[in-house]
Amino acid sequence: MTRMSKNEKRVLFLRCFAKLVLFAERQGIEFIEISGYRTLAEQKALVEAGKSWTMNSRHRLWRAKDIAILKQSRTANGTIKRIINWSPQFYVILGDYWEGLHQLCVFGGRWKVRDYGHFEVK
């Protein structure tokens, strides 16, 4: 494989993420982005709070997003609302698809410390 520049990897990430959005829609999976690009200060704060374990996050390079899958829930009064579904099942469906898009696509749900909502390009 030819070595890719940082900008080429950013373009690859955006193209793959757009495909992921369309795939999720076809599967009936609705999600929201909960984290995209992070500044150095934001990443440092996450590391200090124990919510991230690296200062070298791909979020800092515009090549990662964290998502939360939504599901419908009915309140006591019958109102339907969307809430976050943290069950790994649907994240794995998206992760399998993501990893099949390109050899540089990484799904955080495969890591030793699982991060099911994380999608990145190495």
PDB file of N, CA and C in Angstrom:
ATOM      1  N   MET A   1       0.842  -1.186   0.000  1.00  0.00           N
ATOM      2  CA  MET A   1       0.000   0.000   0.000  1.00  0.00           C
ATOM      3  C   MET A   1       0.883   1.243   0.000  1.00  0.00           C
ATOM      4  N   THR A   2       0.512   2.221  -0.796  1.00  0.00           N
ATOM      5  CA  THR A   2       1.224   3.477  -0.849  1.00  0.00           C
ATOM      6  C   THR A   2       0.975   4.259   0.438  1.00  0.00           C
ATOM      7  N   ARG A   3       2.003   4.890   0.939  1.00  0.00           N
ATOM      8  CA  ARG A   3       1.881   5.699   2.150  1.00  0.00           C
ATOM      9  C   ARG A   3       0.966   6.888   1.870  1.00  0.00           C
ATOM     10  N   MET A   4       0.041   7.135   2.793  1.00  0.00           N
ATOM     11  CA  MET A   4      -0.920   8.231   2.620  1.00  0.00           C
ATOM     12  C   MET A   4      -0.500   9.432   3.455  1.00  0.00           C
ATOM     13  N   SER A   5      -0.754  10.621   2.942  1.00  0.00           N
ATOM     14  CA  SER A   5      -0.493  11.848   3.699  1.00  0.00           C
ATOM     15  C   SER A   5      -1.573  12.022   4.764  1.00  0.00           C
ATOM     16  N   LYS A   6      -1.341  12.938   5.692  1.00  0.00           N
ATOM     17  CA  LYS A   6      -2.336  13.229   6.727  1.00  0.00           C
ATOM     18  C   LYS A   6      -3.649  13.675   6.100  1.00  0.00           C
ATOM     19  N   ASN A   7      -3.565  14.523   5.087  1.00  0.00           N
ATOM     20  CA  ASN A   7      -4.793  15.002   4.443  1.00  0.00           C
ATOM     21  C   ASN A   7      -5.516  13.893   3.703  1.00  0.00           C
ATOM     22  N   GLU A   8      -4.773  12.999   3.067  1.00  0.00           N
ATOM     23  CA  GLU A   8      -5.404  11.868   2.387  1.00  0.00           C
ATOM     24  C   GLU A   8      -6.121  10.969   3.397  1.00  0.00           C
ATOM     25  N   LYS A   9      -5.531  10.797   4.580  1.00  0.00           N
ATOM     26  CA  LYS A   9      -6.184   9.999   5.617  1.00  0.00           C
ATOM     27  C   LYS A   9      -7.434  10.695   6.138  1.00  0.00           C
ATOM     28  N   ARG A  10      -7.408  12.017   6.228  1.00  0.00           N
ATOM     29  CA  ARG A  10      -8.613  12.756   6.644  1.00  0.00           C
ATOM     30  C   ARG A  10      -9.729  12.572   5.621  1.00  0.00           C
ATOM     31  N   VAL A  11      -9.388  12.657   4.357  1.00  0.00           N
ATOM     32  CA  VAL A  11     -10.377  12.460   3.293  1.00  0.00           C
ATOM     33  C   VAL A  11     -10.921  11.030   3.355  1.00  0.00           C
ATOM     34  N   LEU A  12     -10.030  10.067   3.540  1.00  0.00           N
ATOM     35  CA  LEU A  12     -10.456   8.669   3.664  1.00  0.00           C
ATOM     36  C   LEU A  12     -11.424   8.520   4.832  1.00  0.00           C
ATOM     37  N   PHE A  13     -11.093   9.116   5.976  1.00  0.00           N
ATOM     38  CA  PHE A  13     -11.976   9.022   7.135  1.00  0.00           C
ATOM     39  C   PHE A  13     -13.357   9.583   6.818  1.00  0.00           C
ATOM     40  N   LEU A  14     -13.416  10.765   6.222  1.00  0.00           N
ATOM     41  CA  LEU A  14     -14.712  11.383   5.920  1.00  0.00           C
ATOM     42  C   LEU A  14     -15.519  10.549   4.933  1.00  0.00           C
ATOM     43  N   ARG A  15     -14.860  10.018   3.913  1.00  0.00           N
ATOM     44  CA  ARG A  15     -15.571   9.181   2.940  1.00  0.00           C
ATOM     45  C   ARG A  15     -16.116   7.911   3.595  1.00  0.00           C
ATOM     46  N   CYS A  16     -15.302   7.287   4.424  1.00  0.00           N
ATOM     47  CA  CYS A  16     -15.742   6.064   5.098  1.00  0.00           C
ATOM     48  C   CYS A  16     -16.846   6.371   6.099  1.00  0.00           C
ATOM     49  N   PHE A  17     -16.734   7.496   6.804  1.00  0.00           N
ATOM     50  CA  PHE A  17     -17.768   7.825   7.776  1.00  0.00           C
ATOM     51  C   PHE A  17     -19.098   8.117   7.083  1.00  0.00           C
ATOM     52  N   ALA A  18     -19.037   8.773   5.922  1.00  0.00           N
ATOM     53  CA  ALA A  18     -20.263   9.014   5.153  1.00  0.00           C
ATOM     54  C   ALA A  18     -20.907   7.682   4.759  1.00  0.00           C
ATOM     55  N   LYS A  19     -20.100   6.723   4.358  1.00  0.00           N
ATOM     56  CA  LYS A  19     -20.624   5.389   4.017  1.00  0.00           C
ATOM     57  C   LYS A  19     -21.227   4.718   5.243  1.00  0.00           C
ATOM     58  N   LEU A  20     -20.592   4.918   6.407  1.00  0.00           N
ATOM     59  CA  LEU A  20     -21.111   4.335   7.647  1.00  0.00           C
ATOM     60  C   LEU A  20     -22.483   4.904   7.978  1.00  0.00           C
ATOM     61  N   VAL A  21     -22.644   6.207   7.805  1.00  0.00           N
ATOM     62  CA  VAL A  21     -23.945   6.841   8.069  1.00  0.00           C
ATOM     63  C   VAL A  21     -25.019   6.233   7.178  1.00  0.00           C
ATOM     64  N   LEU A  22     -24.732   6.079   5.896  1.00  0.00           N
ATOM     65  CA  LEU A  22     -25.705   5.512   4.957  1.00  0.00           C
ATOM     66  C   LEU A  22     -25.999   4.046   5.277  1.00  0.00           C
ATOM     67  N   PHE A  23     -24.967   3.293   5.642  1.00  0.00           N
ATOM     68  CA  PHE A  23     -25.160   1.895   6.026  1.00  0.00           C
ATOM     69  C   PHE A  23     -26.057   1.800   7.254  1.00  0.00           C
ATOM     70  N   ALA A  24     -25.778   2.625   8.255  1.00  0.00           N
ATOM     71  CA  ALA A  24     -26.583   2.614   9.480  1.00  0.00           C
ATOM     72  C   ALA A  24     -28.044   2.915   9.168  1.00  0.00           C
ATOM     73  N   GLU A  25     -28.257   3.882   8.312  1.00  0.00           N
ATOM     74  CA  GLU A  25     -29.633   4.229   7.932  1.00  0.00           C
ATOM     75  C   GLU A  25     -30.332   3.036   7.274  1.00  0.00           C
ATOM     76  N   ARG A  26     -29.640   2.355   6.379  1.00  0.00           N
ATOM     77  CA  ARG A  26     -30.226   1.180   5.716  1.00  0.00           C
ATOM     78  C   ARG A  26     -30.534   0.066   6.721  1.00  0.00           C
ATOM     79  N   GLN A  27     -29.757  -0.009   7.784  1.00  0.00           N
ATOM     80  CA  GLN A  27     -29.970  -1.032   8.813  1.00  0.00           C
ATOM     81  C   GLN A  27     -30.994  -0.608   9.860  1.00  0.00           C
ATOM     82  N   GLY A  28     -31.469   0.638   9.760  1.00  0.00           N
ATOM     83  CA  GLY A  28     -32.416   1.145  10.746  1.00  0.00           C
ATOM     84  C   GLY A  28     -31.754   1.529  12.061  1.00  0.00           C
ATOM     85  N   ILE A  29     -30.458   1.808  12.007  1.00  0.00           N
ATOM     86  CA  ILE A  29     -29.699   2.197  13.197  1.00  0.00           C
ATOM     87  C   ILE A  29     -29.505   3.711  13.171  1.00  0.00           C
ATOM     88  N   GLU A  30     -30.008   4.361  14.194  1.00  0.00           N
ATOM     89  CA  GLU A  30     -29.885   5.822  14.298  1.00  0.00           C
ATOM     90  C   GLU A  30     -28.829   6.141  15.348  1.00  0.00           C
ATOM     91  N   PHE A  31     -27.919   7.056  15.011  1.00  0.00           N
ATOM     92  CA  PHE A  31     -26.900   7.434  15.990  1.00  0.00           C
ATOM     93  C   PHE A  31     -26.597   8.919  15.914  1.00  0.00           C
ATOM     94  N   ILE A  32     -25.949   9.402  16.975  1.00  0.00           N
ATOM     95  CA  ILE A  32     -25.487  10.787  17.032  1.00  0.00           C
ATOM     96  C   ILE A  32     -23.980  10.777  17.283  1.00  0.00           C
ATOM     97  N   GLU A  33     -23.315  11.827  16.838  1.00  0.00           N
ATOM     98  CA  GLU A  33     -21.899  11.998  17.149  1.00  0.00           C
ATOM     99  C   GLU A  33     -21.795  12.590  18.546  1.00  0.00           C
ATOM    100  N   ILE A  34     -20.951  11.994  19.381  1.00  0.00           N
ATOM    101  CA  ILE A  34     -20.764  12.559  20.721  1.00  0.00           C
ATOM    102  C   ILE A  34     -19.367  13.148  20.901  1.00  0.00           C
ATOM    103  N   SER A  35     -18.454  12.837  19.965  1.00  0.00           N
ATOM    104  CA  SER A  35     -17.127  13.443  20.011  1.00  0.00           C
ATOM    105  C   SER A  35     -16.496  13.344  18.633  1.00  0.00           C
ATOM    106  N   GLY A  36     -15.955  14.454  18.167  1.00  0.00           N
ATOM    107  CA  GLY A  36     -15.251  14.491  16.890  1.00  0.00           C
ATOM    108  C   GLY A  36     -13.852  15.014  17.120  1.00  0.00           C
ATOM    109  N   TYR A  37     -13.522  16.116  16.475  1.00  0.00           N
ATOM    110  CA  TYR A  37     -12.203  16.719  16.652  1.00  0.00           C
ATOM    111  C   TYR A  37     -12.043  17.213  18.089  1.00  0.00           C
ATOM    112  N   ARG A  38     -10.850  17.036  18.634  1.00  0.00           N
ATOM    113  CA  ARG A  38     -10.534  17.531  19.975  1.00  0.00           C
ATOM    114  C   ARG A  38      -9.293  18.403  19.925  1.00  0.00           C
ATOM    115  N   THR A  39      -9.347  19.511  20.663  1.00  0.00           N
ATOM    116  CA  THR A  39      -8.160  20.346  20.805  1.00  0.00           C
ATOM    117  C   THR A  39      -7.187  19.666  21.763  1.00  0.00           C
ATOM    118  N   LEU A  40      -5.975  20.161  21.801  1.00  0.00           N
ATOM    119  CA  LEU A  40      -4.979  19.640  22.727  1.00  0.00           C
ATOM    120  C   LEU A  40      -5.472  19.771  24.169  1.00  0.00           C
ATOM    121  N   ALA A  41      -6.069  20.914  24.491  1.00  0.00           N
ATOM    122  CA  ALA A  41      -6.578  21.139  25.849  1.00  0.00           C
ATOM    123  C   ALA A  41      -7.711  20.166  26.183  1.00  0.00           C
ATOM    124  N   GLU A  42      -8.599  19.921  25.233  1.00  0.00           N
ATOM    125  CA  GLU A  42      -9.699  18.974  25.467  1.00  0.00           C
ATOM    126  C   GLU A  42      -9.164  17.558  25.688  1.00  0.00           C
ATOM    127  N   GLN A  43      -8.185  17.166  24.882  1.00  0.00           N
ATOM    128  CA  GLN A  43      -7.624  15.826  25.033  1.00  0.00           C
ATOM    129  C   GLN A  43      -6.896  15.696  26.366  1.00  0.00           C
ATOM    130  N   LYS A  44      -6.168  16.728  26.734  1.00  0.00           N
ATOM    131  CA  LYS A  44      -5.450  16.704  28.016  1.00  0.00           C
ATOM    132  C   LYS A  44      -6.432  16.567  29.180  1.00  0.00           C
ATOM    133  N   ALA A  45      -7.537  17.290  29.124  1.00  0.00           N
ATOM    134  CA  ALA A  45      -8.551  17.215  30.185  1.00  0.00           C
ATOM    135  C   ALA A  45      -9.152  15.816  30.268  1.00  0.00           C
ATOM    136  N   LEU A  46      -9.393  15.184  29.120  1.00  0.00           N
ATOM    137  CA  LEU A  46      -9.936  13.817  29.115  1.00  0.00           C
ATOM    138  C   LEU A  46      -8.949  12.817  29.713  1.00  0.00           C
ATOM    139  N   VAL A  47      -7.667  12.986  29.384  1.00  0.00           N
ATOM    140  CA  VAL A  47      -6.642  12.095  29.939  1.00  0.00           C
ATOM    141  C   VAL A  47      -6.554  12.289  31.450  1.00  0.00           C
ATOM    142  N   GLU A  48      -6.544  13.538  31.886  1.00  0.00           N
ATOM    143  CA  GLU A  48      -6.453  13.830  33.324  1.00  0.00           C
ATOM    144  C   GLU A  48      -7.666  13.307  34.087  1.00  0.00           C
ATOM    145  N   ALA A  49      -8.829  13.289  33.440  1.00  0.00           N
ATOM    146  CA  ALA A  49     -10.049  12.790  34.072  1.00  0.00           C
ATOM    147  C   ALA A  49     -10.176  11.261  33.970  1.00  0.00           C
ATOM    148  N   GLY A  50      -9.227  10.621  33.295  1.00  0.00           N
ATOM    149  CA  GLY A  50      -9.275   9.173  33.140  1.00  0.00           C
ATOM    150  C   GLY A  50     -10.256   8.699  32.088  1.00  0.00           C
ATOM    151  N   LYS A  51     -10.709   9.608  31.226  1.00  0.00           N
ATOM    152  CA  LYS A  51     -11.681   9.249  30.188  1.00  0.00           C
ATOM    153  C   LYS A  51     -11.013   8.937  28.851  1.00  0.00           C
ATOM    154  N   SER A  52      -9.719   9.163  28.765  1.00  0.00           N
ATOM    155  CA  SER A  52      -8.913   8.784  27.607  1.00  0.00           C
ATOM    156  C   SER A  52      -7.547   8.388  28.137  1.00  0.00           C
ATOM    157  N   TRP A  53      -6.859   7.528  27.417  1.00  0.00           N
ATOM    158  CA  TRP A  53      -5.581   7.049  27.932  1.00  0.00           C
ATOM    159  C   TRP A  53      -4.397   7.505  27.086  1.00  0.00           C
ATOM    160  N   THR A  54      -4.643   8.392  26.123  1.00  0.00           N
ATOM    161  CA  THR A  54      -3.541   8.839  25.272  1.00  0.00           C
ATOM    162  C   THR A  54      -3.679  10.301  24.887  1.00  0.00           C
ATOM    163  N   MET A  55      -2.549  10.950  24.745  1.00  0.00           N
ATOM    164  CA  MET A  55      -2.533  12.310  24.183  1.00  0.00           C
ATOM    165  C   MET A  55      -2.426  12.243  22.659  1.00  0.00           C
ATOM    166  N   ASN A  56      -2.176  11.049  22.114  1.00  0.00           N
ATOM    167  CA  ASN A  56      -2.010  10.868  20.670  1.00  0.00           C
ATOM    168  C   ASN A  56      -3.289  10.362  20.008  1.00  0.00           C
ATOM    169  N   SER A  57      -4.419  10.824  20.480  1.00  0.00           N
ATOM    170  CA  SER A  57      -5.711  10.388  19.952  1.00  0.00           C
ATOM    171  C   SER A  57      -5.882  10.794  18.494  1.00  0.00           C
ATOM    172  N   ARG A  58      -6.517   9.924  17.721  1.00  0.00           N
ATOM    173  CA  ARG A  58      -6.818  10.255  16.326  1.00  0.00           C
ATOM    174  C   ARG A  58      -7.879  11.356  16.237  1.00  0.00           C
ATOM    175  N   HIS A  59      -8.574  11.608  17.355  1.00  0.00           N
ATOM    176  CA  HIS A  59      -9.498  12.744  17.390  1.00  0.00           C
ATOM    177  C   HIS A  59      -8.733  14.050  17.150  1.00  0.00           C
ATOM    178  N   ARG A  60      -7.505  14.101  17.608  1.00  0.00           N
ATOM    179  CA  ARG A  60      -6.690  15.308  17.451  1.00  0.00           C
ATOM    180  C   ARG A  60      -6.277  15.518  15.992  1.00  0.00           C
ATOM    181  N   LEU A  61      -6.370  14.471  15.197  1.00  0.00           N
ATOM    182  CA  LEU A  61      -5.946  14.521  13.794  1.00  0.00           C
ATOM    183  C   LEU A  61      -7.122  14.585  12.828  1.00  0.00           C
ATOM    184  N   TRP A  62      -8.334  14.787  13.343  1.00  0.00           N
ATOM    185  CA  TRP A  62      -9.549  14.826  12.516  1.00  0.00           C
ATOM    186  C   TRP A  62      -9.863  13.462  11.906  1.00  0.00           C
ATOM    187  N   ARG A  63      -9.416  12.381  12.544  1.00  0.00           N
ATOM    188  CA  ARG A  63      -9.602  11.051  11.952  1.00  0.00           C
ATOM    189  C   ARG A  63     -10.317  10.096  12.887  1.00  0.00           C
ATOM    190  N   ALA A  64     -11.161  10.619  13.783  1.00  0.00           N
ATOM    191  CA  ALA A  64     -11.928   9.745  14.678  1.00  0.00           C
ATOM    192  C   ALA A  64     -13.205  10.436  15.117  1.00  0.00           C
ATOM    193  N   LYS A  65     -14.207   9.618  15.351  1.00  0.00           N
ATOM    194  CA  LYS A  65     -15.475  10.083  15.933  1.00  0.00           C
ATOM    195  C   LYS A  65     -15.959   9.035  16.916  1.00  0.00           C
ATOM    196  N   ASP A  66     -16.619   9.518  17.950  1.00  0.00           N
ATOM    197  CA  ASP A  66     -17.329   8.648  18.870  1.00  0.00           C
ATOM    198  C   ASP A  66     -18.811   8.879  18.639  1.00  0.00           C
ATOM    199  N   ILE A  67     -19.559   7.791  18.621  1.00  0.00           N
ATOM    200  CA  ILE A  67     -20.997   7.886  18.380  1.00  0.00           C
ATOM    201  C   ILE A  67     -21.770   7.240  19.526  1.00  0.00           C
ATOM    202  N   ALA A  68     -23.037   7.566  19.593  1.00  0.00           N
ATOM    203  CA  ALA A  68     -23.958   6.912  20.517  1.00  0.00           C
ATOM    204  C   ALA A  68     -25.185   6.499  19.708  1.00  0.00           C
ATOM    205  N   ILE A  69     -25.514   5.239  19.785  1.00  0.00           N
ATOM    206  CA  ILE A  69     -26.687   4.716  19.079  1.00  0.00           C
ATOM    207  C   ILE A  69     -27.934   5.046  19.888  1.00  0.00           C
ATOM    208  N   LEU A  70     -28.981   5.423  19.180  1.00  0.00           N
ATOM    209  CA  LEU A  70     -30.235   5.809  19.823  1.00  0.00           C
ATOM    210  C   LEU A  70     -31.273   4.707  19.680  1.00  0.00           C
ATOM    211  N   LYS A  71     -32.143   4.623  20.656  1.00  0.00           N
ATOM    212  CA  LYS A  71     -33.303   3.740  20.564  1.00  0.00           C
ATOM    213  C   LYS A  71     -34.499   4.498  21.099  1.00  0.00           C
ATOM    214  N   GLN A  72     -35.680   4.070  20.687  1.00  0.00           N
ATOM    215  CA  GLN A  72     -36.903   4.703  21.173  1.00  0.00           C
ATOM    216  C   GLN A  72     -37.314   4.096  22.498  1.00  0.00           C
ATOM    217  N   SER A  73     -37.802   4.946  23.360  1.00  0.00           N
ATOM    218  CA  SER A  73     -38.283   4.495  24.664  1.00  0.00           C
ATOM    219  C   SER A  73     -39.584   5.229  24.958  1.00  0.00           C
ATOM    220  N   ARG A  74     -40.494   4.554  25.628  1.00  0.00           N
ATOM    221  CA  ARG A  74     -41.780   5.153  25.981  1.00  0.00           C
ATOM    222  C   ARG A  74     -41.752   5.532  27.460  1.00  0.00           C
ATOM    223  N   THR A  75     -42.079   6.783  27.742  1.00  0.00           N
ATOM    224  CA  THR A  75     -42.112   7.252  29.133  1.00  0.00           C
ATOM    225  C   THR A  75     -43.397   6.769  29.804  1.00  0.00           C
ATOM    226  N   ALA A  76     -43.493   6.996  31.100  1.00  0.00           N
ATOM    227  CA  ALA A  76     -44.660   6.559  31.873  1.00  0.00           C
ATOM    228  C   ALA A  76     -45.961   7.157  31.343  1.00  0.00           C
ATOM    229  N   ASN A  77     -45.890   8.374  30.806  1.00  0.00           N
ATOM    230  CA  ASN A  77     -47.113   9.012  30.295  1.00  0.00           C
ATOM    231  C   ASN A  77     -47.362   8.688  28.813  1.00  0.00           C
ATOM    232  N   GLY A  78     -46.536   7.777  28.240  1.00  0.00           N
ATOM    233  CA  GLY A  78     -46.777   7.348  26.864  1.00  0.00           C
ATOM    234  C   GLY A  78     -45.998   8.103  25.811  1.00  0.00           C
ATOM    235  N   THR A  79     -45.269   9.127  26.199  1.00  0.00           N
ATOM    236  CA  THR A  79     -44.468   9.885  25.241  1.00  0.00           C
ATOM    237  C   THR A  79     -43.296   9.030  24.758  1.00  0.00           C
ATOM    238  N   ILE A  80     -43.037   9.075  23.468  1.00  0.00           N
ATOM    239  CA  ILE A  80     -41.901   8.346  22.915  1.00  0.00           C
ATOM    240  C   ILE A  80     -40.720   9.305  22.837  1.00  0.00           C
ATOM    241  N   LYS A  81     -39.585   8.856  23.350  1.00  0.00           N
ATOM    242  CA  LYS A  81     -38.372   9.669  23.264  1.00  0.00           C
ATOM    243  C   LYS A  81     -37.215   8.770  22.851  1.00  0.00           C
ATOM    244  N   ARG A  82     -36.151   9.384  22.392  1.00  0.00           N
ATOM    245  CA  ARG A  82     -34.955   8.643  22.007  1.00  0.00           C
ATOM    246  C   ARG A  82     -33.955   8.709  23.161  1.00  0.00           C
ATOM    247  N   ILE A  83     -33.400   7.546  23.490  1.00  0.00           N
ATOM    248  CA  ILE A  83     -32.378   7.481  24.524  1.00  0.00           C
ATOM    249  C   ILE A  83     -31.174   6.733  23.963  1.00  0.00           C
ATOM    250  N   ILE A  84     -30.038   6.899  24.609  1.00  0.00           N
ATOM    251  CA  ILE A  84     -28.822   6.228  24.147  1.00  0.00           C
ATOM    252  C   ILE A  84     -28.877   4.752  24.502  1.00  0.00           C
ATOM    253  N   ASN A  85     -28.517   3.939  23.533  1.00  0.00           N
ATOM    254  CA  ASN A  85     -28.460   2.484  23.688  1.00  0.00           C
ATOM    255  C   ASN A  85     -26.982   2.085  23.743  1.00  0.00           C
ATOM    256  N   TRP A  86     -26.506   1.708  24.912  1.00  0.00           N
ATOM    257  CA  TRP A  86     -25.099   1.340  25.063  1.00  0.00           C
ATOM    258  C   TRP A  86     -24.861  -0.153  24.858  1.00  0.00           C
ATOM    259  N   SER A  87     -25.880  -0.922  24.504  1.00  0.00           N
ATOM    260  CA  SER A  87     -25.716  -2.349  24.245  1.00  0.00           C
ATOM    261  C   SER A  87     -24.787  -2.546  23.041  1.00  0.00           C
ATOM    262  N   PRO A  88     -23.768  -3.393  23.163  1.00  0.00           N
ATOM    263  CA  PRO A  88     -22.775  -3.543  22.087  1.00  0.00           C
ATOM    264  C   PRO A  88     -23.317  -4.075  20.762  1.00  0.00           C
ATOM    265  N   GLN A  89     -24.450  -4.746  20.761  1.00  0.00           N
ATOM    266  CA  GLN A  89     -24.961  -5.441  19.583  1.00  0.00           C
ATOM    267  C   GLN A  89     -24.928  -4.591  18.306  1.00  0.00           C
ATOM    268  N   PHE A  90     -25.512  -3.407  18.349  1.00  0.00           N
ATOM    269  CA  PHE A  90     -25.599  -2.590  17.135  1.00  0.00           C
ATOM    270  C   PHE A  90     -24.275  -1.907  16.797  1.00  0.00           C
ATOM    271  N   TYR A  91     -23.469  -1.617  17.820  1.00  0.00           N
ATOM    272  CA  TYR A  91     -22.145  -1.050  17.573  1.00  0.00           C
ATOM    273  C   TYR A  91     -21.283  -2.049  16.799  1.00  0.00           C
ATOM    274  N   VAL A  92     -21.396  -3.321  17.140  1.00  0.00           N
ATOM    275  CA  VAL A  92     -20.614  -4.355  16.463  1.00  0.00           C
ATOM    276  C   VAL A  92     -21.035  -4.484  15.000  1.00  0.00           C
ATOM    277  N   ILE A  93     -22.314  -4.359  14.715  1.00  0.00           N
ATOM    278  CA  ILE A  93     -22.785  -4.369  13.316  1.00  0.00           C
ATOM    279  C   ILE A  93     -22.105  -3.253  12.536  1.00  0.00           C
ATOM    280  N   LEU A  94     -22.088  -2.057  13.118  1.00  0.00           N
ATOM    281  CA  LEU A  94     -21.441  -0.920  12.456  1.00  0.00           C
ATOM    282  C   LEU A  94     -19.929  -1.114  12.391  1.00  0.00           C
ATOM    283  N   GLY A  95     -19.352  -1.663  13.463  1.00  0.00           N
ATOM    284  CA  GLY A  95     -17.903  -1.890  13.495  1.00  0.00           C
ATOM    285  C   GLY A  95     -17.451  -2.891  12.444  1.00  0.00           C
ATOM    286  N   ASP A  96     -18.211  -3.951  12.267  1.00  0.00           N
ATOM    287  CA  ASP A  96     -17.884  -4.933  11.229  1.00  0.00           C
ATOM    288  C   ASP A  96     -17.886  -4.273   9.851  1.00  0.00           C
ATOM    289  N   TYR A  97     -18.911  -3.473   9.605  1.00  0.00           N
ATOM    290  CA  TYR A  97     -18.995  -2.773   8.322  1.00  0.00           C
ATOM    291  C   TYR A  97     -17.818  -1.810   8.164  1.00  0.00           C
ATOM    292  N   TRP A  98     -17.535  -1.029   9.213  1.00  0.00           N
ATOM    293  CA  TRP A  98     -16.460  -0.027   9.203  1.00  0.00           C
ATOM    294  C   TRP A  98     -15.124  -0.671   8.840  1.00  0.00           C
ATOM    295  N   GLU A  99     -14.803  -1.760   9.502  1.00  0.00           N
ATOM    296  CA  GLU A  99     -13.513  -2.409   9.262  1.00  0.00           C
ATOM    297  C   GLU A  99     -13.407  -2.984   7.850  1.00  0.00           C
ATOM    298  N   GLY A 100     -14.533  -3.272   7.237  1.00  0.00           N
ATOM    299  CA  GLY A 100     -14.522  -3.781   5.873  1.00  0.00           C
ATOM    300  C   GLY A 100     -14.358  -2.703   4.813  1.00  0.00           C
ATOM    301  N   LEU A 101     -14.460  -1.441   5.205  1.00  0.00           N
ATOM    302  CA  LEU A 101     -14.358  -0.349   4.232  1.00  0.00           C
ATOM    303  C   LEU A 101     -12.928  -0.121   3.747  1.00  0.00           C
ATOM    304  N   HIS A 102     -11.960  -0.246   4.642  1.00  0.00           N
ATOM    305  CA  HIS A 102     -10.559   0.012   4.289  1.00  0.00           C
ATOM    306  C   HIS A 102      -9.678  -0.590   5.368  1.00  0.00           C
ATOM    307  N   GLN A 103      -8.481  -0.993   4.990  1.00  0.00           N
ATOM    308  CA  GLN A 103      -7.570  -1.608   5.962  1.00  0.00           C
ATOM    309  C   GLN A 103      -7.130  -0.653   7.066  1.00  0.00           C
ATOM    310  N   LEU A 104      -7.291   0.644   6.890  1.00  0.00           N
ATOM    311  CA  LEU A 104      -6.922   1.613   7.927  1.00  0.00           C
ATOM    312  C   LEU A 104      -8.081   1.943   8.873  1.00  0.00           C
ATOM    313  N   CYS A 105      -9.270   1.428   8.594  1.00  0.00           N
ATOM    314  CA  CYS A 105     -10.431   1.688   9.451  1.00  0.00           C
ATOM    315  C   CYS A 105     -10.371   0.802  10.693  1.00  0.00           C
ATOM    316  N   VAL A 106     -10.432   1.445  11.856  1.00  0.00           N
ATOM    317  CA  VAL A 106     -10.324   0.744  13.139  1.00  0.00           C
ATOM    318  C   VAL A 106     -11.583   1.003  13.963  1.00  0.00           C
ATOM    319  N   PHE A 107     -12.129  -0.068  14.522  1.00  0.00           N
ATOM    320  CA  PHE A 107     -13.305  -0.009  15.392  1.00  0.00           C
ATOM    321  C   PHE A 107     -12.848  -0.224  16.837  1.00  0.00           C
ATOM    322  N   GLY A 108     -13.148   0.739  17.708  1.00  0.00           N
ATOM    323  CA  GLY A 108     -12.723   0.661  19.102  1.00  0.00           C
ATOM    324  C   GLY A 108     -13.327  -0.490  19.885  1.00  0.00           C
ATOM    325  N   GLY A 109     -14.363  -1.101  19.377  1.00  0.00           N
ATOM    326  CA  GLY A 109     -14.970  -2.233  20.044  1.00  0.00           C
ATOM    327  C   GLY A 109     -14.109  -3.487  20.025  1.00  0.00           C
ATOM    328  N   ARG A 110     -13.004  -3.466  19.297  1.00  0.00           N
ATOM    329  CA  ARG A 110     -12.082  -4.608  19.239  1.00  0.00           C
ATOM    330  C   ARG A 110     -10.910  -4.450  20.218  1.00  0.00           C
ATOM    331  N   TRP A 111     -10.760  -3.274  20.791  1.00  0.00           N
ATOM    332  CA  TRP A 111      -9.625  -3.032  21.681  1.00  0.00           C
ATOM    333  C   TRP A 111      -9.753  -3.816  22.983  1.00  0.00           C
ATOM    334  N   LYS A 112      -8.623  -3.978  23.662  1.00  0.00           N
ATOM    335  CA  LYS A 112      -8.635  -4.678  24.958  1.00  0.00           C
ATOM    336  C   LYS A 112      -9.570  -3.962  25.930  1.00  0.00           C
ATOM    337  N   VAL A 113      -9.476  -2.650  25.995  1.00  0.00           N
ATOM    338  CA  VAL A 113     -10.453  -1.846  26.739  1.00  0.00           C
ATOM    339  C   VAL A 113     -11.456  -1.381  25.688  1.00  0.00           C
ATOM    340  N   ARG A 114     -12.584  -2.037  25.616  1.00  0.00           N
ATOM    341  CA  ARG A 114     -13.559  -1.813  24.538  1.00  0.00           C
ATOM    342  C   ARG A 114     -14.119  -0.389  24.557  1.00  0.00           C
ATOM    343  N   ASP A 115     -14.162   0.202  23.373  1.00  0.00           N
ATOM    344  CA  ASP A 115     -14.730   1.537  23.176  1.00  0.00           C
ATOM    345  C   ASP A 115     -15.666   1.421  21.975  1.00  0.00           C
ATOM    346  N   TYR A 116     -16.856   0.862  22.226  1.00  0.00           N
ATOM    347  CA  TYR A 116     -17.759   0.482  21.141  1.00  0.00           C
ATOM    348  C   TYR A 116     -18.199   1.634  20.250  1.00  0.00           C
ATOM    349  N   GLY A 117     -18.223   2.831  20.763  1.00  0.00           N
ATOM    350  CA  GLY A 117     -18.685   3.958  19.956  1.00  0.00           C
ATOM    351  C   GLY A 117     -17.589   4.635  19.156  1.00  0.00           C
ATOM    352  N   HIS A 118     -16.370   4.098  19.171  1.00  0.00           N
ATOM    353  CA  HIS A 118     -15.220   4.762  18.548  1.00  0.00           C
ATOM    354  C   HIS A 118     -14.924   4.190  17.166  1.00  0.00           C
ATOM    355  N   PHE A 119     -14.792   5.091  16.191  1.00  0.00           N
ATOM    356  CA  PHE A 119     -14.458   4.743  14.805  1.00  0.00           C
ATOM    357  C   PHE A 119     -13.346   5.665  14.352  1.00  0.00           C
ATOM    358  N   GLU A 120     -12.266   5.093  13.826  1.00  0.00           N
ATOM    359  CA  GLU A 120     -11.120   5.911  13.415  1.00  0.00           C
ATOM    360  C   GLU A 120     -10.448   5.347  12.194  1.00  0.00           C
ATOM    361  N   VAL A 121      -9.605   6.183  11.589  1.00  0.00           N
ATOM    362  CA  VAL A 121      -8.676   5.765  10.543  1.00  0.00           C
ATOM    363  C   VAL A 121      -7.285   5.926  11.128  1.00  0.00           C
ATOM    364  N   LYS A 122      -6.488   4.832  11.083  1.00  0.00           N
ATOM    365  CA  LYS A 122      -5.118   4.845  11.625  1.00  0.00           C
ATOM    366  C   LYS A 122      -4.271   5.889  10.931  1.00  0.00           C
TER     367      LYS A 122
END
